Amino acid sequence: MKKRSINIKSKVEIQELFKKGGFIRLEGINVFYEFTSLAISRILVTFPKIFKGAVKRNRVRRVFRECFRRRFDLLKGKCVDFIFVVYPQKADVSYCEVETMLRNIDLDVIKRKV
């Protein structure tokens, strides 16, 4: 599996996910999700304009992608696209926090589908 294959890049797909996708609000993070017919789950980590500092943004993005990549096997049968909008209060998020958050989001999304 290539690293690129788990990223959402198309502007049309991103806009569609924001409009028609489900929504979960967590402390400092908004999650948009949508079930797809693709064979894989994909992710996009983005930030509002008020989130300054490229180093912090890139670190948060890296942590989210790594956690998602490790949980990728658990999402194989579900095929969900996720957009995480991360706010400045979550700039110092740790790997363990993100892993726990993704686990809870996975469970919540599965419950909402059924």
N, C-alpha and C. Protein backbone atom coordinates (compact mmCIF):
# COMPACT_ATOMS: atom_id res chain seq x y z
N MET A 1 0.84 -1.17 0.00
CA MET A 1 0.00 0.00 0.00
C MET A 1 0.89 1.24 0.00
N LYS A 2 0.59 2.14 -0.91
CA LYS A 2 1.33 3.39 -0.96
C LYS A 2 0.79 4.36 0.08
N LYS A 3 1.64 5.25 0.54
CA LYS A 3 1.23 6.24 1.52
C LYS A 3 0.15 7.16 0.93
N ARG A 4 0.27 7.47 -0.34
CA ARG A 4 -0.67 8.38 -0.98
C ARG A 4 -2.08 7.83 -1.05
N SER A 5 -2.21 6.55 -1.05
CA SER A 5 -3.53 5.95 -1.26
C SER A 5 -4.50 6.22 -0.11
N ILE A 6 -4.02 6.64 1.05
CA ILE A 6 -4.94 6.89 2.17
C ILE A 6 -5.29 8.36 2.32
N ASN A 7 -4.79 9.23 1.43
CA ASN A 7 -5.06 10.66 1.54
C ASN A 7 -6.19 11.07 0.60
N ILE A 8 -7.06 11.94 1.08
CA ILE A 8 -8.11 12.52 0.24
C ILE A 8 -7.52 13.79 -0.37
N LYS A 9 -7.52 13.89 -1.70
CA LYS A 9 -6.89 15.03 -2.34
C LYS A 9 -7.82 15.83 -3.24
N SER A 10 -8.84 15.22 -3.76
CA SER A 10 -9.72 15.89 -4.71
C SER A 10 -10.58 16.95 -4.02
N LYS A 11 -10.58 18.15 -4.58
CA LYS A 11 -11.36 19.25 -4.02
C LYS A 11 -12.85 18.93 -4.04
N VAL A 12 -13.30 18.28 -5.10
CA VAL A 12 -14.71 17.91 -5.23
C VAL A 12 -15.11 16.91 -4.13
N GLU A 13 -14.27 15.91 -3.90
CA GLU A 13 -14.55 14.92 -2.85
C GLU A 13 -14.57 15.56 -1.47
N ILE A 14 -13.67 16.49 -1.23
CA ILE A 14 -13.60 17.17 0.06
C ILE A 14 -14.86 18.00 0.30
N GLN A 15 -15.27 18.76 -0.71
CA GLN A 15 -16.48 19.58 -0.58
C GLN A 15 -17.71 18.70 -0.38
N GLU A 16 -17.77 17.58 -1.09
CA GLU A 16 -18.89 16.65 -0.97
C GLU A 16 -18.95 16.07 0.45
N LEU A 17 -17.80 15.74 0.99
CA LEU A 17 -17.75 15.18 2.34
C LEU A 17 -18.20 16.20 3.38
N PHE A 18 -17.79 17.46 3.21
CA PHE A 18 -18.23 18.51 4.14
C PHE A 18 -19.74 18.71 4.07
N LYS A 19 -20.32 18.64 2.87
CA LYS A 19 -21.75 18.89 2.70
C LYS A 19 -22.62 17.72 3.14
N LYS A 20 -22.28 16.52 2.70
CA LYS A 20 -23.17 15.37 2.88
C LYS A 20 -22.73 14.38 3.95
N GLY A 21 -21.53 14.54 4.46
CA GLY A 21 -21.01 13.57 5.42
C GLY A 21 -21.57 13.75 6.81
N GLY A 22 -21.37 12.73 7.64
CA GLY A 22 -21.74 12.81 9.05
C GLY A 22 -20.77 13.70 9.80
N PHE A 23 -21.15 14.06 11.03
CA PHE A 23 -20.36 15.03 11.78
C PHE A 23 -20.28 14.60 13.24
N ILE A 24 -19.07 14.64 13.79
CA ILE A 24 -18.85 14.37 15.21
C ILE A 24 -18.01 15.52 15.74
N ARG A 25 -18.42 16.09 16.87
CA ARG A 25 -17.67 17.18 17.48
C ARG A 25 -17.02 16.66 18.76
N LEU A 26 -15.72 16.82 18.82
CA LEU A 26 -14.96 16.48 20.02
C LEU A 26 -14.30 17.75 20.52
N GLU A 27 -13.67 17.66 21.68
CA GLU A 27 -13.00 18.83 22.24
C GLU A 27 -11.80 19.22 21.37
N GLY A 28 -11.92 20.32 20.65
CA GLY A 28 -10.82 20.80 19.82
C GLY A 28 -10.71 20.16 18.45
N ILE A 29 -11.60 19.24 18.13
CA ILE A 29 -11.54 18.55 16.84
C ILE A 29 -12.96 18.32 16.32
N ASN A 30 -13.17 18.65 15.06
CA ASN A 30 -14.41 18.30 14.38
C ASN A 30 -14.09 17.19 13.38
N VAL A 31 -14.94 16.19 13.33
CA VAL A 31 -14.71 15.05 12.44
C VAL A 31 -15.89 14.95 11.47
N PHE A 32 -15.57 14.96 10.19
CA PHE A 32 -16.56 14.70 9.15
C PHE A 32 -16.24 13.33 8.58
N TYR A 33 -17.27 12.54 8.31
CA TYR A 33 -17.04 11.20 7.78
C TYR A 33 -18.13 10.84 6.79
N GLU A 34 -17.80 9.93 5.89
CA GLU A 34 -18.77 9.45 4.92
C GLU A 34 -18.36 8.05 4.49
N PHE A 35 -19.34 7.15 4.42
CA PHE A 35 -19.08 5.80 3.94
C PHE A 35 -18.97 5.84 2.42
N THR A 36 -17.99 5.12 1.88
CA THR A 36 -17.75 5.16 0.44
C THR A 36 -17.78 3.75 -0.13
N SER A 37 -17.77 3.70 -1.45
CA SER A 37 -17.75 2.41 -2.13
C SER A 37 -16.33 2.00 -2.52
N LEU A 38 -15.35 2.80 -2.12
CA LEU A 38 -13.96 2.48 -2.41
C LEU A 38 -13.51 1.28 -1.58
N ALA A 39 -12.38 0.72 -1.93
CA ALA A 39 -11.87 -0.46 -1.23
C ALA A 39 -11.08 -0.10 0.02
N ILE A 40 -10.81 1.20 0.22
CA ILE A 40 -9.98 1.62 1.36
C ILE A 40 -10.64 2.78 2.10
N SER A 41 -10.19 3.00 3.32
CA SER A 41 -10.57 4.18 4.09
C SER A 41 -9.51 5.24 3.86
N ARG A 42 -9.92 6.51 3.84
CA ARG A 42 -8.98 7.59 3.58
C ARG A 42 -9.12 8.68 4.64
N ILE A 43 -8.12 9.57 4.70
CA ILE A 43 -8.07 10.58 5.75
C ILE A 43 -7.58 11.91 5.17
N LEU A 44 -8.05 12.99 5.79
CA LEU A 44 -7.54 14.33 5.52
C LEU A 44 -7.50 15.05 6.86
N VAL A 45 -6.36 15.64 7.19
CA VAL A 45 -6.22 16.42 8.42
C VAL A 45 -6.02 17.87 8.00
N THR A 46 -6.92 18.74 8.45
CA THR A 46 -6.86 20.15 8.06
C THR A 46 -7.04 21.03 9.29
N PHE A 47 -6.78 22.32 9.11
CA PHE A 47 -6.78 23.26 10.22
C PHE A 47 -7.47 24.55 9.81
N PRO A 48 -8.10 25.27 10.76
CA PRO A 48 -8.64 26.60 10.44
C PRO A 48 -7.50 27.61 10.30
N LYS A 49 -7.80 28.75 9.75
CA LYS A 49 -6.76 29.77 9.52
C LYS A 49 -6.13 30.29 10.80
N ILE A 50 -6.84 30.17 11.92
CA ILE A 50 -6.30 30.70 13.17
C ILE A 50 -5.19 29.82 13.76
N PHE A 51 -4.96 28.64 13.19
CA PHE A 51 -3.94 27.72 13.68
C PHE A 51 -2.61 28.12 13.04
N LYS A 52 -1.79 28.87 13.76
CA LYS A 52 -0.52 29.35 13.23
C LYS A 52 0.60 28.37 13.58
N GLY A 53 1.66 28.42 12.82
CA GLY A 53 2.84 27.61 13.09
C GLY A 53 2.87 26.33 12.29
N ALA A 54 3.61 26.34 11.19
CA ALA A 54 3.67 25.18 10.31
C ALA A 54 4.26 23.95 11.00
N VAL A 55 5.20 24.16 11.90
CA VAL A 55 5.83 23.03 12.57
C VAL A 55 4.81 22.26 13.40
N LYS A 56 3.98 22.98 14.15
CA LYS A 56 2.94 22.32 14.96
C LYS A 56 1.90 21.64 14.07
N ARG A 57 1.48 22.33 13.01
CA ARG A 57 0.49 21.74 12.10
C ARG A 57 1.02 20.45 11.48
N ASN A 58 2.25 20.47 11.04
CA ASN A 58 2.83 19.28 10.41
C ASN A 58 2.99 18.14 11.40
N ARG A 59 3.33 18.45 12.64
CA ARG A 59 3.46 17.41 13.66
C ARG A 59 2.12 16.76 13.93
N VAL A 60 1.07 17.57 14.09
CA VAL A 60 -0.27 17.04 14.34
C VAL A 60 -0.71 16.18 13.15
N ARG A 61 -0.47 16.66 11.95
CA ARG A 61 -0.82 15.91 10.74
C ARG A 61 -0.10 14.56 10.72
N ARG A 62 1.17 14.57 11.07
CA ARG A 62 1.98 13.35 11.07
C ARG A 62 1.47 12.35 12.10
N VAL A 63 1.10 12.83 13.29
CA VAL A 63 0.59 11.95 14.34
C VAL A 63 -0.73 11.31 13.91
N PHE A 64 -1.64 12.11 13.35
CA PHE A 64 -2.93 11.59 12.91
C PHE A 64 -2.75 10.54 11.81
N ARG A 65 -1.90 10.84 10.84
CA ARG A 65 -1.70 9.89 9.73
C ARG A 65 -1.08 8.59 10.21
N GLU A 66 -0.13 8.68 11.14
CA GLU A 66 0.51 7.47 11.66
C GLU A 66 -0.50 6.62 12.43
N CYS A 67 -1.30 7.22 13.28
CA CYS A 67 -2.32 6.47 14.02
C CYS A 67 -3.32 5.85 13.06
N PHE A 68 -3.74 6.60 12.06
CA PHE A 68 -4.69 6.09 11.08
C PHE A 68 -4.08 4.92 10.32
N ARG A 69 -2.81 5.05 9.94
CA ARG A 69 -2.13 3.98 9.20
C ARG A 69 -2.07 2.70 10.03
N ARG A 70 -1.82 2.83 11.33
CA ARG A 70 -1.76 1.66 12.20
C ARG A 70 -3.12 1.02 12.43
N ARG A 71 -4.17 1.82 12.42
CA ARG A 71 -5.53 1.31 12.60
C ARG A 71 -6.17 0.91 11.27
N PHE A 72 -5.44 1.09 10.19
CA PHE A 72 -5.96 0.86 8.85
C PHE A 72 -6.52 -0.55 8.68
N ASP A 73 -5.86 -1.54 9.24
CA ASP A 73 -6.31 -2.93 9.11
C ASP A 73 -7.67 -3.14 9.76
N LEU A 74 -7.95 -2.42 10.83
CA LEU A 74 -9.24 -2.56 11.51
C LEU A 74 -10.37 -1.93 10.72
N LEU A 75 -10.04 -1.01 9.81
CA LEU A 75 -11.06 -0.32 9.02
C LEU A 75 -11.27 -0.94 7.64
N LYS A 76 -10.60 -2.05 7.35
CA LYS A 76 -10.63 -2.62 6.00
C LYS A 76 -12.04 -2.86 5.48
N GLY A 77 -12.93 -3.39 6.28
CA GLY A 77 -14.26 -3.72 5.80
C GLY A 77 -15.23 -2.56 5.81
N LYS A 78 -14.83 -1.42 6.35
CA LYS A 78 -15.79 -0.33 6.55
C LYS A 78 -15.75 0.74 5.46
N CYS A 79 -14.59 1.05 4.92
CA CYS A 79 -14.43 2.02 3.83
C CYS A 79 -15.08 3.37 4.14
N VAL A 80 -14.44 4.11 5.00
CA VAL A 80 -14.94 5.41 5.44
C VAL A 80 -13.89 6.47 5.14
N ASP A 81 -14.34 7.62 4.63
CA ASP A 81 -13.47 8.77 4.45
C ASP A 81 -13.64 9.69 5.66
N PHE A 82 -12.52 10.16 6.21
CA PHE A 82 -12.54 11.04 7.38
C PHE A 82 -11.87 12.36 7.06
N ILE A 83 -12.45 13.45 7.56
CA ILE A 83 -11.78 14.75 7.58
C ILE A 83 -11.72 15.19 9.03
N PHE A 84 -10.52 15.44 9.52
CA PHE A 84 -10.32 15.93 10.88
C PHE A 84 -9.97 17.42 10.79
N VAL A 85 -10.77 18.27 11.41
CA VAL A 85 -10.47 19.70 11.49
C VAL A 85 -9.97 19.93 12.91
N VAL A 86 -8.67 20.20 13.03
CA VAL A 86 -8.01 20.30 14.33
C VAL A 86 -7.83 21.78 14.69
N TYR A 87 -8.26 22.15 15.89
CA TYR A 87 -8.18 23.53 16.37
C TYR A 87 -6.94 23.72 17.25
N PRO A 88 -6.49 24.97 17.45
CA PRO A 88 -5.22 25.24 18.15
C PRO A 88 -5.11 24.64 19.55
N GLN A 89 -6.21 24.46 20.27
CA GLN A 89 -6.10 23.90 21.62
C GLN A 89 -5.62 22.44 21.60
N LYS A 90 -5.65 21.79 20.44
CA LYS A 90 -5.15 20.42 20.32
C LYS A 90 -3.79 20.37 19.64
N ALA A 91 -3.05 21.47 19.67
CA ALA A 91 -1.75 21.55 19.01
C ALA A 91 -0.73 20.60 19.63
N ASP A 92 -0.85 20.33 20.92
CA ASP A 92 0.12 19.48 21.60
C ASP A 92 -0.45 18.09 21.87
N VAL A 93 -1.23 17.60 20.95
CA VAL A 93 -1.86 16.29 21.12
C VAL A 93 -0.80 15.19 21.04
N SER A 94 -0.93 14.19 21.91
CA SER A 94 0.03 13.10 21.91
C SER A 94 -0.48 11.93 21.08
N TYR A 95 0.43 11.03 20.77
CA TYR A 95 0.09 9.86 19.97
C TYR A 95 -0.99 9.02 20.67
N CYS A 96 -0.86 8.84 21.98
CA CYS A 96 -1.82 8.04 22.74
C CYS A 96 -3.22 8.66 22.71
N GLU A 97 -3.28 9.99 22.82
CA GLU A 97 -4.58 10.67 22.76
C GLU A 97 -5.25 10.46 21.41
N VAL A 98 -4.47 10.59 20.35
CA VAL A 98 -5.03 10.42 19.00
C VAL A 98 -5.48 8.98 18.79
N GLU A 99 -4.70 8.03 19.27
CA GLU A 99 -5.06 6.62 19.11
C GLU A 99 -6.38 6.32 19.84
N THR A 100 -6.52 6.81 21.06
CA THR A 100 -7.76 6.63 21.82
C THR A 100 -8.93 7.31 21.12
N MET A 101 -8.69 8.52 20.63
CA MET A 101 -9.72 9.27 19.93
C MET A 101 -10.19 8.53 18.67
N LEU A 102 -9.26 8.00 17.89
CA LEU A 102 -9.62 7.25 16.69
C LEU A 102 -10.41 6.00 17.02
N ARG A 103 -10.03 5.33 18.10
CA ARG A 103 -10.76 4.13 18.52
C ARG A 103 -12.21 4.48 18.85
N ASN A 104 -12.40 5.56 19.61
CA ASN A 104 -13.75 6.00 19.98
C ASN A 104 -14.55 6.45 18.76
N ILE A 105 -13.90 7.14 17.84
CA ILE A 105 -14.58 7.60 16.63
C ILE A 105 -15.00 6.41 15.78
N ASP A 106 -14.13 5.41 15.66
CA ASP A 106 -14.47 4.20 14.90
C ASP A 106 -15.72 3.55 15.46
N LEU A 107 -15.77 3.41 16.78
CA LEU A 107 -16.93 2.79 17.42
C LEU A 107 -18.19 3.63 17.20
N ASP A 108 -18.05 4.94 17.31
CA ASP A 108 -19.20 5.83 17.13
C ASP A 108 -19.72 5.78 15.70
N VAL A 109 -18.82 5.77 14.73
CA VAL A 109 -19.22 5.72 13.32
C VAL A 109 -19.91 4.40 13.01
N ILE A 110 -19.40 3.31 13.55
CA ILE A 110 -20.01 2.00 13.32
C ILE A 110 -21.42 1.97 13.90
N LYS A 111 -21.60 2.53 15.10
CA LYS A 111 -22.93 2.58 15.72
C LYS A 111 -23.90 3.39 14.87
N ARG A 112 -23.43 4.49 14.31
CA ARG A 112 -24.30 5.36 13.52
C ARG A 112 -24.69 4.72 12.19
N LYS A 113 -23.84 3.85 11.68
CA LYS A 113 -24.15 3.19 10.41
C LYS A 113 -25.25 2.16 10.58
N VAL A 114 -25.22 1.44 11.70
CA VAL A 114 -26.17 0.35 11.93
C VAL A 114 -27.51 0.86 12.37
